[in-house]
C-alpha atoms as a PDB file:
ATOM      1  CA  SER A   1     -24.620   5.072  27.223  1.00  0.00           C
ATOM      2  CA  CYS A   2     -25.614   2.576  24.327  1.00  0.00           C
ATOM      3  CA  ALA A   3     -28.302   0.848  25.244  1.00  0.00           C
ATOM      4  CA  THR A   4     -30.143   4.416  26.248  1.00  0.00           C
ATOM      5  CA  ARG A   5     -29.689   5.603  22.508  1.00  0.00           C
ATOM      6  CA  ILE A   6     -30.861   2.357  21.030  1.00  0.00           C
ATOM      7  CA  HIS A   7     -33.742   3.077  23.497  1.00  0.00           C
ATOM      8  CA  HIS A   8     -34.775   6.380  21.988  1.00  0.00           C
ATOM      9  CA  LEU A   9     -34.204   5.756  18.536  1.00  0.00           C
ATOM     10  CA  GLN A  10     -36.533   2.849  18.892  1.00  0.00           C
ATOM     11  CA  HIS A  11     -38.929   5.155  19.817  1.00  0.00           C
ATOM     12  CA  ASN A  12     -38.210   7.823  17.556  1.00  0.00           C
ATOM     13  CA  PRO A  13     -40.259   7.807  14.337  1.00  0.00           C
ATOM     14  CA  GLU A  14     -38.033  10.449  12.598  1.00  0.00           C
ATOM     15  CA  VAL A  15     -35.177   7.833  12.785  1.00  0.00           C
ATOM     16  CA  THR A  16     -34.795   5.801   9.573  1.00  0.00           C
ATOM     17  CA  MET A  17     -33.177   2.570   9.436  1.00  0.00           C
ATOM     18  CA  ALA A  18     -30.331   3.702   7.676  1.00  0.00           C
ATOM     19  CA  LYS A  19     -29.304   6.172  10.534  1.00  0.00           C
ATOM     20  CA  ILE A  20     -29.374   3.062  12.711  1.00  0.00           C
ATOM     21  CA  ILE A  21     -26.994   1.355  10.418  1.00  0.00           C
ATOM     22  CA  VAL A  22     -24.209   3.824   9.851  1.00  0.00           C
ATOM     23  CA  LEU A  23     -24.533   4.126  13.233  1.00  0.00           C
ATOM     24  CA  LEU A  24     -23.337   0.371  13.692  1.00  0.00           C
ATOM     25  CA  LEU A  25     -20.877   0.612  11.078  1.00  0.00           C
ATOM     26  CA  ALA A  26     -19.828   3.232  13.129  1.00  0.00           C
ATOM     27  CA  ALA A  27     -19.306   1.941  16.197  1.00  0.00           C
ATOM     28  CA  PHE A  28     -18.307  -1.792  14.848  1.00  0.00           C
ATOM     29  CA  VAL A  29     -15.288  -0.073  12.451  1.00  0.00           C
ATOM     30  CA  SER A  30     -13.840   1.865  15.797  1.00  0.00           C
ATOM     31  CA  ALA A  31     -14.401  -1.260  17.724  1.00  0.00           C
ATOM     32  CA  ALA A  32     -12.630  -3.378  14.910  1.00  0.00           C
ATOM     33  CA  MET A  33      -9.665  -0.064  14.863  1.00  0.00           C
ATOM     34  CA  ALA A  34      -8.975  -0.283  18.276  1.00  0.00           C
ATOM     35  CA  ASN A  35      -7.840  -3.931  18.599  1.00  0.00           C
ATOM     36  CA  THR A  36      -4.845  -3.581  16.611  1.00  0.00           C
ATOM     37  CA  ARG A  37      -1.332  -3.556  17.510  1.00  0.00           C
ATOM     38  CA  THR A  38       1.537  -2.745  15.167  1.00  0.00           C
ATOM     39  CA  CYS A  39       4.882  -4.395  14.896  1.00  0.00           C
ATOM     40  CA  TYR A  40       7.633  -1.518  13.802  1.00  0.00           C
ATOM     41  CA  CYS A  41      10.732  -2.968  12.102  1.00  0.00           C
ATOM     42  CA  ASN A  42      13.984  -1.366  10.914  1.00  0.00           C
ATOM     43  CA  ILE A  43      17.233  -2.637   9.435  1.00  0.00           C
ATOM     44  CA  TYR A  44      19.997  -0.924  11.145  1.00  0.00           C
ATOM     45  CA  MET A  45      23.825  -1.121  10.515  1.00  0.00           C
ATOM     46  CA  ARG A  46      27.195  -0.217  12.677  1.00  0.00           C
ATOM     47  CA  GLU A  47      30.257   0.079  11.546  1.00  0.00           C
ATOM     48  CA  SER A  48      31.810  -1.999  14.717  1.00  0.00           C
ATOM     49  CA  PRO A  49      30.252  -4.271  17.593  1.00  0.00           C
ATOM     50  CA  ASP A  50      28.961  -1.184  19.796  1.00  0.00           C
ATOM     51  CA  GLY A  51      29.263   1.489  17.713  1.00  0.00           C
ATOM     52  CA  GLN A  52      25.961   3.759  16.437  1.00  0.00           C
ATOM     53  CA  TYR A  53      23.569   2.644  14.489  1.00  0.00           C
ATOM     54  CA  THR A  54      22.368   4.146  11.188  1.00  0.00           C
ATOM     55  CA  ASP A  55      19.504   3.518   9.658  1.00  0.00           C
ATOM     56  CA  LEU A  56      19.252   1.055   6.432  1.00  0.00           C
ATOM     57  CA  LEU A  57      15.621  -0.252   5.309  1.00  0.00           C
ATOM     58  CA  HIS A  58      12.018   0.599   6.700  1.00  0.00           C
ATOM     59  CA  VAL A  59      10.370  -2.889   6.276  1.00  0.00           C
ATOM     60  CA  HIS A  60       6.644  -3.626   6.313  1.00  0.00           C
ATOM     61  CA  VAL A  61       4.563  -6.272   9.284  1.00  0.00           C
ATOM     62  CA  GLU A  62       1.234  -6.889   8.637  1.00  0.00           C
ATOM     63  CA  PRO A  63      -0.816  -5.256  11.870  1.00  0.00           C
ATOM     64  CA  TYR A  64      -1.926  -8.102  14.443  1.00  0.00           C
ATOM     65  CA  SER A  65      -5.811  -7.254  14.427  1.00  0.00           C
ATOM     66  CA  ASP A  66      -8.479  -9.417  15.768  1.00  0.00           C
ATOM     67  CA  PHE A  67     -12.489  -8.107  16.335  1.00  0.00           C
ATOM     68  CA  TRP A  68     -12.055  -9.072  20.075  1.00  0.00           C
ATOM     69  CA  GLY A  69      -8.928  -7.407  20.561  1.00  0.00           C
ATOM     70  CA  VAL A  70      -4.878  -8.433  19.991  1.00  0.00           C
ATOM     71  CA  SER A  71      -3.279  -8.943  23.401  1.00  0.00           C
ATOM     72  CA  CYS A  72       0.425  -6.774  24.199  1.00  0.00           C
ATOM     73  CA  ARG A  73       1.266 -10.575  25.530  1.00  0.00           C
ATOM     74  CA  THR A  74       0.235 -11.706  21.812  1.00  0.00           C
ATOM     75  CA  ALA A  75       1.972  -8.998  19.883  1.00  0.00           C
ATOM     76  CA  VAL A  76       5.288  -9.178  21.690  1.00  0.00           C
ATOM     77  CA  ALA A  77       5.443 -12.914  21.254  1.00  0.00           C
ATOM     78  CA  ARG A  78       5.026 -12.456  17.666  1.00  0.00           C
ATOM     79  CA  CYS A  79       7.313  -9.416  16.836  1.00  0.00           C
ATOM     80  CA  PRO A  80      10.574 -10.662  16.627  1.00  0.00           C
ATOM     81  CA  ASN A  81       9.670 -13.587  14.540  1.00  0.00           C
ATOM     82  CA  ASP A  82       7.369 -11.387  12.377  1.00  0.00           C
ATOM     83  CA  CYS A  83      10.477  -8.917  12.218  1.00  0.00           C
ATOM     84  CA  ARG A  84      12.747 -11.166  10.832  1.00  0.00           C
ATOM     85  CA  ASN A  85      10.531 -12.564   8.439  1.00  0.00           C
ATOM     86  CA  ALA A  86      10.172  -9.214   6.884  1.00  0.00           C
ATOM     87  CA  ALA A  87      14.155  -8.743   7.135  1.00  0.00           C
ATOM     88  CA  ALA A  88      14.297 -11.317   5.284  1.00  0.00           C
ATOM     89  CA  ALA A  89      11.965 -10.266   2.653  1.00  0.00           C
ATOM     90  CA  ALA A  90      12.964  -7.098   2.620  1.00  0.00           C
ATOM     91  CA  LEU A  91      16.621  -8.197   1.416  1.00  0.00           C
ATOM     92  CA  ASN A  92      15.313  -9.773  -1.625  1.00  0.00           C
ATOM     93  CA  ASN A  93      13.381 -13.241   0.189  1.00  0.00           C
ATOM     94  CA  GLY A  94      16.775 -14.006   1.728  1.00  0.00           C
ATOM     95  CA  ARG A  95      17.896 -15.673   5.111  1.00  0.00           C
ATOM     96  CA  VAL A  96      19.420 -13.865   7.861  1.00  0.00           C
ATOM     97  CA  ASN A  97      21.083 -14.828  11.189  1.00  0.00           C
ATOM     98  CA  PRO A  98      23.555 -15.563   9.603  1.00  0.00           C
ATOM     99  CA  LEU A  99      23.148 -13.689   6.140  1.00  0.00           C
ATOM    100  CA  ASP A 100      23.036 -15.419   2.926  1.00  0.00           C
ATOM    101  CA  HIS A 101      24.059 -14.542  -0.873  1.00  0.00           C
ATOM    102  CA  THR A 102      20.982 -13.260  -1.597  1.00  0.00           C
ATOM    103  CA  ALA A 103      20.378 -10.868   1.746  1.00  0.00           C
ATOM    104  CA  GLY A 104      24.075 -10.066   1.218  1.00  0.00           C
ATOM    105  CA  THR A 105      24.244  -8.714  -2.060  1.00  0.00           C
ATOM    106  CA  ARG A 106      21.002  -6.497  -1.416  1.00  0.00           C
ATOM    107  CA  VAL A 107      22.585  -4.859   1.434  1.00  0.00           C
ATOM    108  CA  CYS A 108      26.346  -4.479  -0.844  1.00  0.00           C
ATOM    109  CA  ASN A 109      24.056  -2.737  -3.272  1.00  0.00           C
ATOM    110  CA  LEU A 110      22.360  -0.632  -0.859  1.00  0.00           C
ATOM    111  CA  LEU A 111      25.325   0.499   1.169  1.00  0.00           C
ATOM    112  CA  LYS A 112      27.277   1.002  -2.639  1.00  0.00           C
ATOM    113  CA  ARG A 113      30.707   0.828  -1.372  1.00  0.00           C
ATOM    114  CA  GLU A 114      33.439  -1.442  -0.201  1.00  0.00           C
ATOM    115  CA  VAL A 115      33.624  -3.367   3.220  1.00  0.00           C
ATOM    116  CA  LEU A 116      36.444  -5.439   4.220  1.00  0.00           C
ATOM    117  CA  ARG A 117      36.464  -8.472   6.343  1.00  0.00           C
ATOM    118  CA  ASP A 118      38.703  -6.695   8.604  1.00  0.00           C
ATOM    119  CA  ASN A 119      36.062  -4.077   9.137  1.00  0.00           C
ATOM    120  CA  PRO A 120      32.234  -5.995   8.400  1.00  0.00           C
ATOM    121  CA  VAL A 121      28.824  -3.894   8.771  1.00  0.00           C
ATOM    122  CA  TYR A 122      26.786  -5.102  11.529  1.00  0.00           C
ATOM    123  CA  LEU A 123      23.289  -5.770  10.440  1.00  0.00           C
ATOM    124  CA  ASP A 124      20.457  -5.520  13.533  1.00  0.00           C
ATOM    125  CA  ALA A 125      16.781  -5.177  13.283  1.00  0.00           C
ATOM    126  CA  HIS A 126      15.097  -3.196  15.943  1.00  0.00           C
ATOM    127  CA  PHE A 127      11.265  -4.032  16.543  1.00  0.00           C
ATOM    128  CA  LYS A 128       9.001  -2.670  18.812  1.00  0.00           C
ATOM    129  CA  THR A 129       5.305  -3.706  19.536  1.00  0.00           C
ATOM    130  CA  SER A 130       3.148  -0.617  19.491  1.00  0.00           C
ATOM    131  CA  ASN A 131       1.089   0.437  22.635  1.00  0.00           C
ATOM    132  CA  CYS A 132       2.840  -2.426  24.917  1.00  0.00           C
ATOM    133  CA  GLY A 133       6.048  -0.808  25.716  1.00  0.00           C
ATOM    134  CA  HIS A 134       8.375  -3.865  24.017  1.00  0.00           C
ATOM    135  CA  GLU A 135      11.155  -3.293  22.247  1.00  0.00           C
ATOM    136  CA  ASP A 136      14.469  -5.095  21.223  1.00  0.00           C
ATOM    137  CA  ASN A 137      17.168  -6.017  18.708  1.00  0.00           C
ATOM    138  CA  LEU A 138      17.777  -8.976  16.546  1.00  0.00           C
ATOM    139  CA  GLY A 139      21.044  -9.502  15.185  1.00  0.00           C
ATOM    140  CA  LEU A 140      21.207 -10.443  11.154  1.00  0.00           C
ATOM    141  CA  GLY A 141      24.531 -11.110  10.395  1.00  0.00           C
ATOM    142  CA  GLU A 142      27.769  -9.556   9.400  1.00  0.00           C
ATOM    143  CA  VAL A 143      28.657  -7.567   5.991  1.00  0.00           C
ATOM    144  CA  CYS A 144      31.600  -7.489   3.661  1.00  0.00           C
ATOM    145  CA  CYS A 145      31.294  -6.433  -0.074  1.00  0.00           C
ATOM    146  CA  TRP A 146      33.630  -5.941  -2.838  1.00  0.00           C
ATOM    147  CA  GLU A 147      33.742  -3.301  -4.783  1.00  0.00           C
ATOM    148  CA  ILE A 148      33.961  -4.532  -8.650  1.00  0.00           C
ATOM    149  CA  ASN A 149      35.456  -1.753 -11.156  1.00  0.00           C
ATOM    150  CA  HIS A 150      34.872  -2.258 -14.487  1.00  0.00           C
ATOM    151  CA  GLY A 151      35.977   0.976 -16.508  1.00  0.00           C
ATOM    152  CA  SER A 152      35.264   4.734 -16.595  1.00  0.00           C
ATOM    153  CA  SER A 153      32.380   3.872 -18.970  1.00  0.00           C
ATOM    154  CA  GLN A 154      30.469   1.395 -16.288  1.00  0.00           C
ATOM    155  CA  PRO A 155      29.383   2.085 -12.991  1.00  0.00           C
ATOM    156  CA  ALA A 156      30.492  -0.198 -10.216  1.00  0.00           C
ATOM    157  CA  THR A 157      29.532  -3.219  -9.128  1.00  0.00           C
ATOM    158  CA  TYR A 158      28.963  -4.673  -5.501  1.00  0.00           C
ATOM    159  CA  VAL A 159      29.470  -8.420  -4.742  1.00  0.00           C
ATOM    160  CA  HIS A 160      29.299  -9.749  -0.958  1.00  0.00           C
ATOM    161  CA  ASN A 161      31.488 -11.321   0.336  1.00  0.00           C
ATOM    162  CA  LEU A 162      29.531 -14.632   2.099  1.00  0.00           C
ATOM    163  CA  GLY A 163      30.644 -14.599   5.948  1.00  0.00           C
ATOM    164  CA  CYS A 164      32.999 -11.985   4.972  1.00  0.00           C
ATOM    165  CA  ASN A 165      35.425 -15.616   4.881  1.00  0.00           C
ATOM    166  CA  TYR A 166      37.506 -14.473   1.743  1.00  0.00           C
ATOM    167  CA  ASP A 167      40.384 -11.955   0.754  1.00  0.00           C
ATOM    168  CA  ARG A 168      40.015 -11.751  -2.665  1.00  0.00           C
ATOM    169  CA  PRO A 169      36.776 -11.036  -5.122  1.00  0.00           C
ATOM    170  CA  PRO A 170      36.371 -14.383  -7.249  1.00  0.00           C
ATOM    171  CA  SER A 171      37.877 -14.083 -10.633  1.00  0.00           C
ATOM    172  CA  ASP A 172      35.397 -13.074 -13.709  1.00  0.00           C
END
């Protein structure tokens, strides 16, 4: 046991103070690492409301860490909102559910294709809390994009159709 080791160290003249400090540091580091939970968050797209998910973007959520431990209840409660915020940050700090123009433009540039309003792409964030047995999806919104060609000498650009509301892209 830990008490036996400390008693042994106190009565062993060969053990230096440095060894005791290293032992204590190792115990604190391992305890701190064991008290961390992670919220995994990924953005997926679907071609139809019931379609298969395709991976679009992995997003980073800061791990939950506390010296005394992070309960599953706390991690599970925080993960959905933290995933939503991380997804918005990954989409150029735009808003999600519904997608604003900033987030939609980022998605259109990732897709690099035209997505018409009669067949939008559906975005979801999937989140999972480590070692808690909890995962779920958050709807982020629908995306429609126009492809604008500028001639053979320039690459196409992609313009977000906000809310999939318009039949034609804005005129130049």
